[in-house]
């Protein structure tokens, strides 16, 4: 798992020179991995291949599950949604916060990405948690309910 995360980080860095741009993610788009409708775009992520095909995911966790299930595929450039601004940014440029929040009668674990480090720190403090790096966000346990 750690090796796959490192390969993905190296791919992100190598792809930083490419001119591939993300395709906007809007509510109602379908997650490429789970095939469910993307409802809350604040947690969405996207892979854009070298051939400019965009694959949208409802969450960083969904993207990570897909990449782990297809280790021989080169994911291309990975983008995550900036929680505050609602715009896609390179995952390599993001600061991540894992947190739990109530949803109905249960609590769900989520992962939010921020371009601004101070915004991520404030969000983490407000949710009594901490900032994490891409490797930890990407390698969340498969059995968790990170959305």
N, C-alpha and C. Protein backbone atom coordinates (compact mmCIF):
# COMPACT_ATOMS: atom_id res chain seq x y z
N UNK A 1 0.82 -1.20 0.00
CA UNK A 1 0.00 0.00 0.00
C UNK A 1 0.86 1.25 0.00
N UNK A 2 1.87 1.25 0.85
CA UNK A 2 2.73 2.43 0.95
C UNK A 2 3.45 2.67 -0.38
N UNK A 3 3.88 1.57 -1.03
CA UNK A 3 4.57 1.69 -2.30
C UNK A 3 3.65 2.30 -3.35
N UNK A 4 2.39 1.86 -3.37
CA UNK A 4 1.42 2.39 -4.32
C UNK A 4 1.20 3.88 -4.09
N UNK A 5 1.13 4.29 -2.81
CA UNK A 5 0.98 5.70 -2.49
C UNK A 5 2.17 6.51 -2.98
N UNK A 6 3.39 5.95 -2.80
CA UNK A 6 4.60 6.64 -3.26
C UNK A 6 4.62 6.74 -4.78
N UNK A 7 4.21 5.67 -5.47
CA UNK A 7 4.14 5.71 -6.93
C UNK A 7 3.17 6.79 -7.38
N UNK A 8 2.03 6.89 -6.69
CA UNK A 8 1.04 7.90 -7.06
C UNK A 8 1.59 9.30 -6.82
N UNK A 9 2.32 9.50 -5.73
CA UNK A 9 2.91 10.82 -5.45
C UNK A 9 3.93 11.16 -6.53
N UNK A 10 4.77 10.21 -6.90
CA UNK A 10 5.75 10.46 -7.97
C UNK A 10 5.05 10.77 -9.29
N UNK A 11 3.95 10.09 -9.56
CA UNK A 11 3.18 10.37 -10.77
C UNK A 11 2.61 11.78 -10.72
N UNK A 12 2.15 12.18 -9.55
CA UNK A 12 1.63 13.54 -9.38
C UNK A 12 2.71 14.56 -9.68
N UNK A 13 3.90 14.33 -9.15
CA UNK A 13 4.99 15.27 -9.36
C UNK A 13 5.44 15.28 -10.82
N UNK A 14 5.50 14.13 -11.44
CA UNK A 14 5.90 14.06 -12.85
C UNK A 14 4.86 14.72 -13.74
N UNK A 15 3.61 14.58 -13.36
CA UNK A 15 2.53 15.15 -14.16
C UNK A 15 2.38 16.64 -13.96
N UNK A 16 3.08 17.22 -13.00
CA UNK A 16 2.93 18.63 -12.72
C UNK A 16 3.37 19.51 -13.88
N UNK A 17 4.19 18.96 -14.75
CA UNK A 17 4.66 19.73 -15.90
C UNK A 17 3.70 19.64 -17.09
N UNK A 18 2.80 18.72 -17.06
CA UNK A 18 1.86 18.53 -18.17
C UNK A 18 0.81 19.63 -18.18
N UNK A 19 0.13 19.77 -19.30
CA UNK A 19 -0.87 20.84 -19.41
C UNK A 19 -2.30 20.30 -19.26
N UNK A 20 -2.43 19.10 -18.74
CA UNK A 20 -3.74 18.50 -18.54
C UNK A 20 -4.54 19.30 -17.53
N UNK A 21 -5.79 19.61 -17.87
CA UNK A 21 -6.64 20.38 -16.97
C UNK A 21 -7.81 19.52 -16.52
N UNK A 22 -8.30 19.77 -15.29
CA UNK A 22 -9.44 19.00 -14.80
C UNK A 22 -10.74 19.43 -15.47
N UNK A 23 -11.69 18.52 -15.43
CA UNK A 23 -13.04 18.79 -15.91
C UNK A 23 -13.88 19.12 -14.68
N UNK A 24 -14.65 20.20 -14.68
CA UNK A 24 -15.44 20.53 -13.48
C UNK A 24 -16.32 19.37 -13.03
N UNK A 25 -16.44 19.22 -11.73
CA UNK A 25 -17.31 18.22 -11.13
C UNK A 25 -18.52 18.95 -10.57
N UNK A 26 -19.70 18.49 -10.95
CA UNK A 26 -20.94 19.11 -10.46
C UNK A 26 -21.82 18.03 -9.83
N UNK A 27 -22.67 18.46 -8.90
CA UNK A 27 -23.62 17.53 -8.29
C UNK A 27 -24.44 16.89 -9.40
N UNK A 28 -24.59 15.59 -9.32
CA UNK A 28 -25.31 14.84 -10.35
C UNK A 28 -24.39 14.04 -11.25
N UNK A 29 -23.07 14.39 -11.27
CA UNK A 29 -22.11 13.57 -11.99
C UNK A 29 -22.06 12.20 -11.32
N UNK A 30 -21.55 11.21 -12.04
CA UNK A 30 -21.49 9.85 -11.51
C UNK A 30 -20.05 9.48 -11.17
N UNK A 31 -19.88 8.90 -9.98
CA UNK A 31 -18.58 8.44 -9.52
C UNK A 31 -18.13 7.27 -10.40
N UNK A 32 -16.92 7.36 -10.95
CA UNK A 32 -16.39 6.33 -11.83
C UNK A 32 -16.22 4.99 -11.11
N UNK A 33 -15.91 5.02 -9.82
CA UNK A 33 -15.69 3.78 -9.07
C UNK A 33 -16.97 3.17 -8.53
N UNK A 34 -17.74 3.95 -7.79
CA UNK A 34 -18.93 3.39 -7.13
C UNK A 34 -20.18 3.42 -8.01
N UNK A 35 -20.12 4.20 -9.07
CA UNK A 35 -21.26 4.38 -10.00
C UNK A 35 -22.45 5.05 -9.32
N UNK A 36 -22.21 5.69 -8.19
CA UNK A 36 -23.27 6.42 -7.51
C UNK A 36 -23.17 7.90 -7.88
N UNK A 37 -24.30 8.58 -7.75
CA UNK A 37 -24.33 10.00 -8.06
C UNK A 37 -23.50 10.78 -7.05
N UNK A 38 -22.74 11.74 -7.55
CA UNK A 38 -21.97 12.63 -6.68
C UNK A 38 -22.93 13.70 -6.18
N UNK A 39 -23.16 13.71 -4.88
CA UNK A 39 -24.11 14.63 -4.28
C UNK A 39 -23.40 15.84 -3.67
N UNK A 40 -22.36 15.57 -2.91
CA UNK A 40 -21.62 16.64 -2.23
C UNK A 40 -20.25 16.78 -2.88
N UNK A 41 -20.09 17.78 -3.71
CA UNK A 41 -18.85 17.94 -4.47
C UNK A 41 -17.67 18.41 -3.62
N UNK A 42 -17.91 18.82 -2.38
CA UNK A 42 -16.81 19.31 -1.53
C UNK A 42 -15.75 18.25 -1.28
N UNK A 43 -16.10 16.98 -1.42
CA UNK A 43 -15.16 15.88 -1.15
C UNK A 43 -14.71 15.17 -2.41
N UNK A 44 -15.10 15.65 -3.57
CA UNK A 44 -14.86 14.97 -4.84
C UNK A 44 -13.39 15.00 -5.24
N UNK A 45 -13.05 14.10 -6.14
CA UNK A 45 -11.69 14.00 -6.68
C UNK A 45 -11.79 13.58 -8.14
N UNK A 46 -10.68 13.73 -8.85
CA UNK A 46 -10.70 13.42 -10.29
C UNK A 46 -9.31 13.00 -10.75
N UNK A 47 -9.28 12.07 -11.66
CA UNK A 47 -8.04 11.67 -12.33
C UNK A 47 -8.19 12.07 -13.78
N UNK A 48 -7.17 12.74 -14.32
CA UNK A 48 -7.14 13.06 -15.74
C UNK A 48 -5.94 12.34 -16.32
N UNK A 49 -6.21 11.44 -17.26
CA UNK A 49 -5.15 10.62 -17.85
C UNK A 49 -4.32 11.44 -18.83
N UNK A 50 -3.22 10.88 -19.24
CA UNK A 50 -2.35 11.54 -20.21
C UNK A 50 -3.06 11.76 -21.55
N UNK A 51 -4.09 10.94 -21.81
CA UNK A 51 -4.86 11.11 -23.05
C UNK A 51 -6.08 12.01 -22.82
N UNK A 52 -6.06 12.76 -21.71
CA UNK A 52 -7.10 13.75 -21.37
C UNK A 52 -8.48 13.16 -21.09
N UNK A 53 -8.54 11.93 -20.63
CA UNK A 53 -9.82 11.36 -20.18
C UNK A 53 -9.96 11.67 -18.69
N UNK A 54 -11.09 12.24 -18.31
CA UNK A 54 -11.33 12.58 -16.91
C UNK A 54 -12.22 11.54 -16.25
N UNK A 55 -11.80 11.06 -15.09
CA UNK A 55 -12.56 10.11 -14.32
C UNK A 55 -12.89 10.76 -12.98
N UNK A 56 -14.17 10.94 -12.70
CA UNK A 56 -14.63 11.65 -11.51
C UNK A 56 -14.96 10.65 -10.40
N UNK A 57 -14.66 11.07 -9.17
CA UNK A 57 -14.90 10.23 -8.01
C UNK A 57 -15.63 11.05 -6.95
N UNK A 58 -16.51 10.40 -6.21
CA UNK A 58 -17.29 11.10 -5.18
C UNK A 58 -16.43 11.53 -4.00
N UNK A 59 -15.27 10.90 -3.83
CA UNK A 59 -14.41 11.21 -2.69
C UNK A 59 -12.98 10.77 -2.96
N UNK A 60 -12.08 11.25 -2.13
CA UNK A 60 -10.69 10.82 -2.19
C UNK A 60 -10.61 9.33 -1.90
N UNK A 61 -11.43 8.87 -0.98
CA UNK A 61 -11.45 7.45 -0.63
C UNK A 61 -11.87 6.59 -1.83
N UNK A 62 -12.88 7.03 -2.55
CA UNK A 62 -13.34 6.28 -3.72
C UNK A 62 -12.23 6.22 -4.78
N UNK A 63 -11.56 7.35 -4.99
CA UNK A 63 -10.45 7.39 -5.93
C UNK A 63 -9.36 6.42 -5.50
N UNK A 64 -9.02 6.43 -4.21
CA UNK A 64 -7.97 5.55 -3.70
C UNK A 64 -8.35 4.08 -3.85
N UNK A 65 -9.60 3.74 -3.57
CA UNK A 65 -10.05 2.36 -3.75
C UNK A 65 -9.89 1.93 -5.20
N UNK A 66 -10.25 2.80 -6.13
CA UNK A 66 -10.13 2.47 -7.55
C UNK A 66 -8.67 2.26 -7.93
N UNK A 67 -7.79 3.18 -7.52
CA UNK A 67 -6.37 3.08 -7.87
C UNK A 67 -5.77 1.82 -7.26
N UNK A 68 -6.12 1.49 -6.02
CA UNK A 68 -5.60 0.26 -5.39
C UNK A 68 -6.11 -0.99 -6.11
N UNK A 69 -7.31 -0.95 -6.64
CA UNK A 69 -7.88 -2.10 -7.34
C UNK A 69 -7.29 -2.26 -8.75
N UNK A 70 -6.66 -1.20 -9.25
CA UNK A 70 -6.08 -1.22 -10.61
C UNK A 70 -4.64 -0.73 -10.56
N UNK A 71 -3.75 -1.48 -9.88
CA UNK A 71 -2.38 -1.01 -9.67
C UNK A 71 -1.55 -0.88 -10.94
N UNK A 72 -1.93 -1.55 -12.02
CA UNK A 72 -1.15 -1.50 -13.25
C UNK A 72 -1.49 -0.28 -14.11
N UNK A 73 -2.55 0.43 -13.75
CA UNK A 73 -2.94 1.60 -14.53
C UNK A 73 -2.21 2.84 -14.01
N UNK A 74 -1.73 3.66 -14.91
CA UNK A 74 -1.12 4.93 -14.53
C UNK A 74 -2.25 5.93 -14.34
N UNK A 75 -2.45 6.44 -13.11
CA UNK A 75 -3.61 7.30 -12.89
C UNK A 75 -3.52 8.68 -13.53
N UNK A 76 -2.38 9.09 -14.02
CA UNK A 76 -2.28 10.43 -14.59
C UNK A 76 -2.23 11.47 -13.50
N UNK A 77 -2.83 12.62 -13.75
CA UNK A 77 -2.84 13.70 -12.76
C UNK A 77 -4.05 13.56 -11.85
N UNK A 78 -3.83 13.77 -10.56
CA UNK A 78 -4.91 13.61 -9.57
C UNK A 78 -5.28 15.00 -9.04
N UNK A 79 -6.57 15.28 -9.09
CA UNK A 79 -7.10 16.54 -8.59
C UNK A 79 -8.08 16.25 -7.45
N UNK A 80 -8.15 17.18 -6.51
CA UNK A 80 -9.11 17.10 -5.41
C UNK A 80 -9.84 18.44 -5.32
N UNK A 81 -11.02 18.40 -4.78
CA UNK A 81 -11.81 19.62 -4.65
C UNK A 81 -11.37 20.42 -3.43
N UNK A 82 -11.12 21.70 -3.63
CA UNK A 82 -10.82 22.60 -2.51
C UNK A 82 -12.12 22.81 -1.75
N UNK A 83 -12.16 22.36 -0.51
CA UNK A 83 -13.37 22.40 0.31
C UNK A 83 -13.94 23.81 0.42
N UNK A 84 -13.07 24.80 0.57
CA UNK A 84 -13.51 26.19 0.74
C UNK A 84 -13.94 26.86 -0.55
N UNK A 85 -13.19 26.64 -1.61
CA UNK A 85 -13.42 27.39 -2.85
C UNK A 85 -14.25 26.65 -3.88
N UNK A 86 -14.41 25.34 -3.70
CA UNK A 86 -15.19 24.57 -4.65
C UNK A 86 -14.55 24.45 -6.02
N UNK A 87 -13.21 24.47 -6.06
CA UNK A 87 -12.47 24.34 -7.33
C UNK A 87 -11.50 23.18 -7.22
N UNK A 88 -11.29 22.51 -8.34
CA UNK A 88 -10.33 21.41 -8.35
C UNK A 88 -8.91 21.96 -8.33
N UNK A 89 -8.03 21.25 -7.62
CA UNK A 89 -6.62 21.60 -7.54
C UNK A 89 -5.82 20.31 -7.53
N UNK A 90 -4.56 20.39 -7.85
CA UNK A 90 -3.71 19.21 -7.80
C UNK A 90 -3.64 18.68 -6.37
N UNK A 91 -3.75 17.38 -6.23
CA UNK A 91 -3.67 16.77 -4.90
C UNK A 91 -2.34 17.07 -4.24
N UNK A 92 -1.29 17.20 -5.04
CA UNK A 92 0.03 17.51 -4.49
C UNK A 92 0.08 18.87 -3.82
N UNK A 93 -0.84 19.76 -4.16
CA UNK A 93 -0.86 21.12 -3.60
C UNK A 93 -1.82 21.26 -2.41
N UNK A 94 -2.47 20.18 -2.03
CA UNK A 94 -3.53 20.25 -1.02
C UNK A 94 -3.05 19.88 0.38
N UNK A 95 -3.80 20.38 1.36
CA UNK A 95 -3.65 20.02 2.77
C UNK A 95 -4.95 19.31 3.13
N UNK A 96 -4.86 18.16 3.78
CA UNK A 96 -6.03 17.32 4.02
C UNK A 96 -6.40 17.27 5.49
N UNK A 97 -7.71 17.11 5.74
CA UNK A 97 -8.22 16.95 7.09
C UNK A 97 -9.24 15.82 7.07
N UNK A 98 -9.00 14.79 7.89
CA UNK A 98 -9.99 13.73 8.08
C UNK A 98 -10.79 14.09 9.31
N UNK A 99 -12.09 13.91 9.22
CA UNK A 99 -12.95 14.27 10.35
C UNK A 99 -14.23 13.46 10.30
N UNK A 100 -14.94 13.44 11.40
CA UNK A 100 -16.23 12.75 11.48
C UNK A 100 -17.31 13.80 11.62
N UNK A 101 -18.46 13.51 11.02
CA UNK A 101 -19.62 14.38 11.18
C UNK A 101 -20.88 13.54 11.16
N UNK A 102 -21.92 14.02 11.86
CA UNK A 102 -23.17 13.26 11.88
C UNK A 102 -23.87 13.30 10.53
N UNK A 103 -24.43 12.16 10.17
CA UNK A 103 -25.26 12.06 8.97
C UNK A 103 -26.43 11.16 9.35
N UNK A 104 -27.57 11.79 9.56
CA UNK A 104 -28.71 11.02 10.06
C UNK A 104 -28.42 10.54 11.47
N UNK A 105 -28.54 9.23 11.68
CA UNK A 105 -28.31 8.65 13.00
C UNK A 105 -26.90 8.11 13.19
N UNK A 106 -26.06 8.28 12.21
CA UNK A 106 -24.70 7.75 12.32
C UNK A 106 -23.67 8.84 12.06
N UNK A 107 -22.43 8.54 12.38
CA UNK A 107 -21.34 9.45 12.07
C UNK A 107 -20.58 8.88 10.89
N UNK A 108 -20.19 9.74 9.98
CA UNK A 108 -19.39 9.30 8.84
C UNK A 108 -18.04 10.01 8.89
N UNK A 109 -17.04 9.31 8.42
CA UNK A 109 -15.71 9.89 8.37
C UNK A 109 -15.49 10.44 6.96
N UNK A 110 -14.97 11.64 6.89
CA UNK A 110 -14.76 12.31 5.60
C UNK A 110 -13.33 12.82 5.52
N UNK A 111 -12.94 13.18 4.32
CA UNK A 111 -11.62 13.77 4.09
C UNK A 111 -11.82 15.00 3.22
N UNK A 112 -11.45 16.15 3.75
CA UNK A 112 -11.59 17.42 3.03
C UNK A 112 -10.20 17.90 2.63
N UNK A 113 -10.12 18.54 1.47
CA UNK A 113 -8.86 19.08 0.96
C UNK A 113 -8.93 20.61 0.93
N UNK A 114 -7.82 21.24 1.23
CA UNK A 114 -7.75 22.69 1.26
C UNK A 114 -6.49 23.16 0.54
N UNK A 115 -6.62 24.20 -0.24
CA UNK A 115 -5.43 24.81 -0.85
C UNK A 115 -4.67 25.61 0.21
N UNK A 116 -5.41 26.30 1.06
CA UNK A 116 -4.83 27.17 2.07
C UNK A 116 -4.54 26.39 3.36
N UNK A 117 -3.28 26.35 3.76
CA UNK A 117 -2.90 25.59 4.95
C UNK A 117 -3.55 26.13 6.22
N UNK A 118 -3.67 27.46 6.33
CA UNK A 118 -4.31 28.03 7.52
C UNK A 118 -5.78 27.66 7.60
N UNK A 119 -6.45 27.60 6.47
CA UNK A 119 -7.86 27.19 6.45
C UNK A 119 -7.97 25.73 6.90
N UNK A 120 -7.04 24.89 6.46
CA UNK A 120 -7.05 23.48 6.86
C UNK A 120 -6.81 23.35 8.37
N UNK A 121 -5.87 24.14 8.89
CA UNK A 121 -5.59 24.09 10.33
C UNK A 121 -6.81 24.54 11.14
N UNK A 122 -7.47 25.60 10.70
CA UNK A 122 -8.66 26.10 11.40
C UNK A 122 -9.78 25.08 11.35
N UNK A 123 -9.97 24.46 10.20
CA UNK A 123 -11.01 23.44 10.03
C UNK A 123 -10.72 22.25 10.94
N UNK A 124 -9.46 21.83 10.98
CA UNK A 124 -9.06 20.70 11.83
C UNK A 124 -9.31 21.03 13.30
N UNK A 125 -8.96 22.23 13.71
CA UNK A 125 -9.18 22.62 15.11
C UNK A 125 -10.67 22.65 15.44
N UNK A 126 -11.48 23.15 14.53
CA UNK A 126 -12.92 23.22 14.76
C UNK A 126 -13.55 21.83 14.87
N UNK A 127 -12.94 20.84 14.21
CA UNK A 127 -13.46 19.47 14.24
C UNK A 127 -12.67 18.57 15.18
N UNK A 128 -11.81 19.17 15.99
CA UNK A 128 -11.00 18.45 16.98
C UNK A 128 -10.24 17.29 16.36
N UNK A 129 -9.54 17.58 15.29
CA UNK A 129 -8.73 16.58 14.61
C UNK A 129 -7.44 17.25 14.14
N UNK A 130 -6.76 16.69 13.19
CA UNK A 130 -5.49 17.24 12.72
C UNK A 130 -5.40 17.19 11.21
N UNK A 131 -4.47 17.95 10.68
CA UNK A 131 -4.19 17.87 9.25
C UNK A 131 -3.40 16.59 8.97
N UNK A 132 -3.57 16.07 7.76
CA UNK A 132 -2.81 14.89 7.34
C UNK A 132 -2.23 15.16 5.96
N UNK A 133 -1.28 14.35 5.56
CA UNK A 133 -0.69 14.46 4.24
C UNK A 133 -1.42 13.61 3.22
N UNK A 134 -1.04 13.75 1.96
CA UNK A 134 -1.67 13.00 0.87
C UNK A 134 -1.52 11.50 1.10
N UNK A 135 -0.35 11.07 1.55
CA UNK A 135 -0.13 9.63 1.73
C UNK A 135 -1.12 9.05 2.72
N UNK A 136 -1.36 9.75 3.82
CA UNK A 136 -2.32 9.26 4.82
C UNK A 136 -3.76 9.36 4.29
N UNK A 137 -4.08 10.42 3.59
CA UNK A 137 -5.42 10.57 3.01
C UNK A 137 -5.68 9.46 1.99
N UNK A 138 -4.68 9.18 1.16
CA UNK A 138 -4.81 8.16 0.12
C UNK A 138 -4.89 6.76 0.71
N UNK A 139 -4.16 6.51 1.79
CA UNK A 139 -4.07 5.17 2.36
C UNK A 139 -5.04 4.91 3.50
N UNK A 140 -6.15 5.66 3.56
CA UNK A 140 -7.16 5.39 4.59
C UNK A 140 -7.61 3.93 4.44
N UNK A 141 -7.86 3.23 5.54
CA UNK A 141 -8.25 1.83 5.45
C UNK A 141 -9.46 1.64 4.55
N UNK A 142 -9.45 0.58 3.75
CA UNK A 142 -10.56 0.32 2.83
C UNK A 142 -11.89 0.13 3.54
N UNK A 143 -11.85 -0.39 4.76
CA UNK A 143 -13.08 -0.63 5.47
C UNK A 143 -13.70 0.60 6.13
N UNK A 144 -12.99 1.73 6.06
CA UNK A 144 -13.50 2.92 6.73
C UNK A 144 -14.62 3.54 5.89
N UNK A 145 -15.34 4.45 6.50
CA UNK A 145 -16.44 5.11 5.78
C UNK A 145 -16.05 6.54 5.46
N UNK A 146 -14.86 6.73 4.90
CA UNK A 146 -14.41 8.06 4.50
C UNK A 146 -15.08 8.41 3.19
N UNK A 147 -15.78 9.49 3.21
CA UNK A 147 -16.45 9.95 1.99
C UNK A 147 -15.89 11.30 1.68
